[in-house]
Amino acid sequence: MVKRIETAQAQIVVCGINMVSEAGQVLFSRFVDEKEYSAEEALRSFLLGQVFENGVWNKLFRKDLIENVDFVAGRRMNEDIFFIYEAFCNVEKVATCGVVGYNYYERKGSASHSTFSDRWFDNSYFAHKIYELTLDHFPQLEQVARSYLLRSQYHLLRLMYSSGVEEQYKEE
C-alpha cells in the first residue's frame, strides 16, 4: 500500500478485503482493481457503496491529509464513515491497489451485528452530516448524497421494525 500511494502520488490508497467468520473461514473477498479516482469520483463511488468499504481499516492515509480530520466525539457507531468522507473531500487523488490486504473478522456481538439500540441513530446523524457537507463542497453530487441519506433512513426504519422497537423510539 505504501508503494502504491507513492507511485500513484495519491493521498489515500485502498486495498481489497476478506470477510472472515469467527471460525476463521473466508466468507467472501472484495477485490479492487488498481485504479485512481479524483475526489468527486471517490465520493460518488463511496456514496453509492460501489468500491470503497465504510471502514478505515483497509485504507492508508497520508498524514498531512488527515491532520485536521477527526472522529466525531460522543458517537458510538459509524464514526469512521464520516471520517472517510471528510478525508475524501480533501483529496486530489485516491488510489486502489490490486491486493487483498485486510481480513475483516465478523463478530456476532459487535455493534453492527447486535440488536437495535439508540446507537443506531448515529448512522442517521452521519448521513445528514454527509448530505450537508456534500451540498457545501460538491453540490453536483446532491442527488447521490440524497439517495445515500434516504437509504440510510430506510435501513434505520427497517431495522427498528424488524427488531420490534418502533414504539420505544416513537419520538425519534
Protein backbone atom coordinates (compact mmCIF):
# COMPACT_ATOMS: atom_id res chain seq x y z
CA MET A 1 0.00 0.00 0.00
CA VAL A 2 2.90 2.34 0.77
CA LYS A 3 4.42 1.64 -2.63
CA ARG A 4 1.08 2.28 -4.36
CA ILE A 5 0.42 5.57 -2.54
CA GLU A 6 3.86 6.76 -3.61
CA THR A 7 3.72 5.63 -7.25
CA ALA A 8 0.18 6.97 -7.76
CA GLN A 9 1.01 10.18 -5.89
CA ALA A 10 -2.28 9.75 -4.04
CA GLN A 11 -3.30 10.89 -0.57
CA ILE A 12 -5.27 7.70 0.17
CA VAL A 13 -4.80 4.13 -1.01
CA VAL A 14 -7.38 1.39 -0.56
CA CYS A 15 -6.83 -2.37 -0.62
CA GLY A 16 -9.23 -5.26 -1.03
CA ILE A 17 -10.59 -7.26 1.91
CA ASN A 18 -11.54 -10.75 3.01
CA MET A 19 -14.68 -11.06 5.13
CA VAL A 20 -13.84 -13.76 7.66
CA SER A 21 -16.18 -15.63 10.02
CA GLU A 22 -15.45 -16.02 13.72
CA ALA A 23 -14.33 -19.57 12.89
CA GLY A 24 -11.69 -18.18 10.50
CA GLN A 25 -13.43 -19.13 7.25
CA VAL A 26 -13.21 -16.60 4.41
CA LEU A 27 -16.84 -15.81 3.59
CA PHE A 28 -16.02 -13.69 0.56
CA SER A 29 -13.35 -11.42 -0.82
CA ARG A 30 -13.84 -7.96 -2.17
CA PHE A 31 -11.04 -7.29 -4.59
CA VAL A 32 -10.33 -3.85 -6.01
CA ASP A 33 -8.52 -3.30 -9.29
CA GLU A 34 -5.63 -0.88 -9.46
CA LYS A 35 -7.26 2.43 -10.36
CA GLU A 36 -7.15 6.13 -9.48
CA TYR A 37 -10.04 8.43 -8.54
CA SER A 38 -10.49 12.18 -8.21
CA ALA A 39 -12.20 13.46 -5.06
CA GLU A 40 -15.54 13.70 -6.86
CA GLU A 41 -15.24 10.20 -8.34
CA ALA A 42 -14.24 8.75 -4.95
CA LEU A 43 -17.11 10.50 -3.15
CA ARG A 44 -19.64 9.35 -5.74
CA SER A 45 -18.42 5.76 -5.52
CA PHE A 46 -18.40 5.89 -1.71
CA LEU A 47 -21.95 7.25 -1.54
CA LEU A 48 -23.17 4.60 -3.96
CA GLY A 49 -21.41 1.85 -2.00
CA GLN A 50 -19.52 0.68 -5.05
CA VAL A 51 -15.76 0.46 -4.50
CA PHE A 52 -14.95 1.74 -1.04
CA GLU A 53 -15.80 -0.01 2.22
CA ASN A 54 -17.22 2.07 5.09
CA GLY A 55 -14.33 1.34 7.46
CA VAL A 56 -10.93 2.94 7.82
CA TRP A 57 -9.34 -0.47 8.26
CA ASN A 58 -8.44 -1.07 4.59
CA LYS A 59 -7.18 2.44 3.85
CA LEU A 60 -3.81 4.11 4.16
CA PHE A 61 -3.98 7.90 4.61
CA ARG A 62 -1.19 10.39 4.13
CA LYS A 63 -0.65 12.09 7.46
CA ASP A 64 -0.89 15.62 6.06
CA LEU A 65 -4.35 14.83 4.63
CA ILE A 66 -5.90 13.80 7.94
CA GLU A 67 -4.16 16.15 10.38
CA ASN A 68 -7.38 18.19 10.61
CA VAL A 69 -9.83 15.32 10.18
CA ASP A 70 -11.08 13.83 13.43
CA PHE A 71 -13.51 11.18 14.55
CA VAL A 72 -16.64 12.81 15.96
CA ALA A 73 -16.61 12.52 19.75
CA GLY A 74 -19.62 11.11 21.56
CA ARG A 75 -20.78 8.84 18.73
CA ARG A 76 -20.74 5.09 19.16
CA MET A 77 -21.33 3.79 15.67
CA ASN A 78 -20.33 4.58 12.07
CA GLU A 79 -17.95 7.36 13.07
CA ASP A 80 -15.44 6.05 10.56
CA ILE A 81 -17.90 6.68 7.70
CA PHE A 82 -17.80 10.42 8.28
CA PHE A 83 -14.02 10.37 8.83
CA ILE A 84 -13.54 8.74 5.42
CA TYR A 85 -15.99 11.09 3.77
CA GLU A 86 -14.23 14.17 5.15
CA ALA A 87 -10.87 12.81 4.03
CA PHE A 88 -12.22 12.08 0.52
CA CYS A 89 -13.47 15.68 0.33
CA ASN A 90 -9.89 16.91 0.71
CA VAL A 91 -8.00 14.62 -1.68
CA GLU A 92 -6.65 15.22 -5.09
CA LYS A 93 -6.40 11.50 -5.75
CA VAL A 94 -7.48 8.20 -4.19
CA ALA A 95 -5.82 5.06 -5.49
CA THR A 96 -6.77 1.43 -5.17
CA CYS A 97 -4.25 -1.37 -5.23
CA GLY A 98 -4.91 -4.79 -6.65
CA VAL A 99 -4.16 -6.54 -3.36
CA VAL A 100 -6.41 -8.09 -0.73
CA GLY A 101 -4.58 -6.67 2.27
CA TYR A 102 -7.07 -6.86 5.12
CA ASN A 103 -9.05 -9.58 6.88
CA TYR A 104 -12.25 -8.25 8.42
CA TYR A 105 -13.49 -10.60 11.12
CA GLU A 106 -17.25 -10.53 11.64
CA ARG A 107 -18.18 -10.94 15.30
CA LYS A 108 -21.77 -11.65 16.28
CA GLY A 109 -21.57 -9.40 19.36
CA SER A 110 -20.16 -6.35 17.55
CA ALA A 111 -22.08 -3.08 17.33
CA SER A 112 -23.01 -3.59 13.69
CA HIS A 113 -24.34 -7.11 14.33
CA SER A 114 -26.22 -6.53 17.56
CA THR A 115 -29.88 -5.81 18.26
CA PHE A 116 -31.26 -2.33 17.80
CA SER A 117 -30.36 0.36 20.32
CA ASP A 118 -30.16 4.14 20.26
CA ARG A 119 -26.59 3.99 18.95
CA TRP A 120 -28.08 3.12 15.53
CA PHE A 121 -29.26 6.73 15.32
CA ASP A 122 -25.60 7.68 14.83
CA ASN A 123 -25.94 6.29 11.30
CA SER A 124 -28.71 8.80 10.61
CA TYR A 125 -26.70 11.60 12.23
CA PHE A 126 -23.72 10.94 9.95
CA ALA A 127 -25.87 10.53 6.84
CA HIS A 128 -27.27 14.02 7.47
CA LYS A 129 -23.78 15.45 8.05
CA ILE A 130 -22.57 13.84 4.81
CA TYR A 131 -25.53 15.33 2.93
CA GLU A 132 -24.80 18.82 4.32
CA LEU A 133 -21.08 18.55 3.57
CA THR A 134 -21.87 17.44 0.03
CA LEU A 135 -24.12 20.45 -0.53
CA ASP A 136 -21.34 22.75 0.70
CA HIS A 137 -18.42 21.26 -1.25
CA PHE A 138 -19.77 19.08 -4.06
CA PRO A 139 -23.27 20.33 -4.94
CA GLN A 140 -23.10 18.40 -8.22
CA LEU A 141 -23.35 15.23 -6.09
CA GLU A 142 -26.53 16.35 -4.30
CA GLN A 143 -28.76 13.63 -5.80
CA VAL A 144 -26.29 10.90 -4.93
CA ALA A 145 -25.94 12.24 -1.38
CA ARG A 146 -29.73 12.46 -1.03
CA SER A 147 -30.02 8.86 -2.18
CA TYR A 148 -27.42 7.88 0.44
CA LEU A 149 -29.39 9.75 3.11
CA LEU A 150 -32.66 8.10 2.10
CA ARG A 151 -31.09 4.61 2.05
CA SER A 152 -29.68 5.29 5.49
CA GLN A 153 -33.08 6.34 6.84
CA TYR A 154 -34.77 3.34 5.21
CA HIS A 155 -32.19 0.97 6.74
CA LEU A 156 -32.73 2.53 10.18
CA LEU A 157 -36.52 2.20 9.97
CA ARG A 158 -36.33 -1.34 8.63
CA LEU A 159 -34.00 -2.34 11.47
CA MET A 160 -36.29 -0.72 14.05
CA TYR A 161 -39.36 -2.54 12.75
CA SER A 162 -37.61 -5.90 12.36
CA SER A 163 -36.37 -5.56 15.96
CA GLY A 164 -39.88 -4.65 17.16
CA VAL A 165 -38.74 -1.45 18.89
CA GLU A 166 -40.58 1.17 16.84
CA GLU A 167 -42.87 2.06 19.77
CA GLN A 168 -39.89 2.53 22.07
CA TYR A 169 -38.38 5.12 19.70
CA LYS A 170 -41.60 6.75 18.53
CA GLU A 171 -40.34 10.30 19.10
CA GLU A 172 -37.15 9.72 17.16
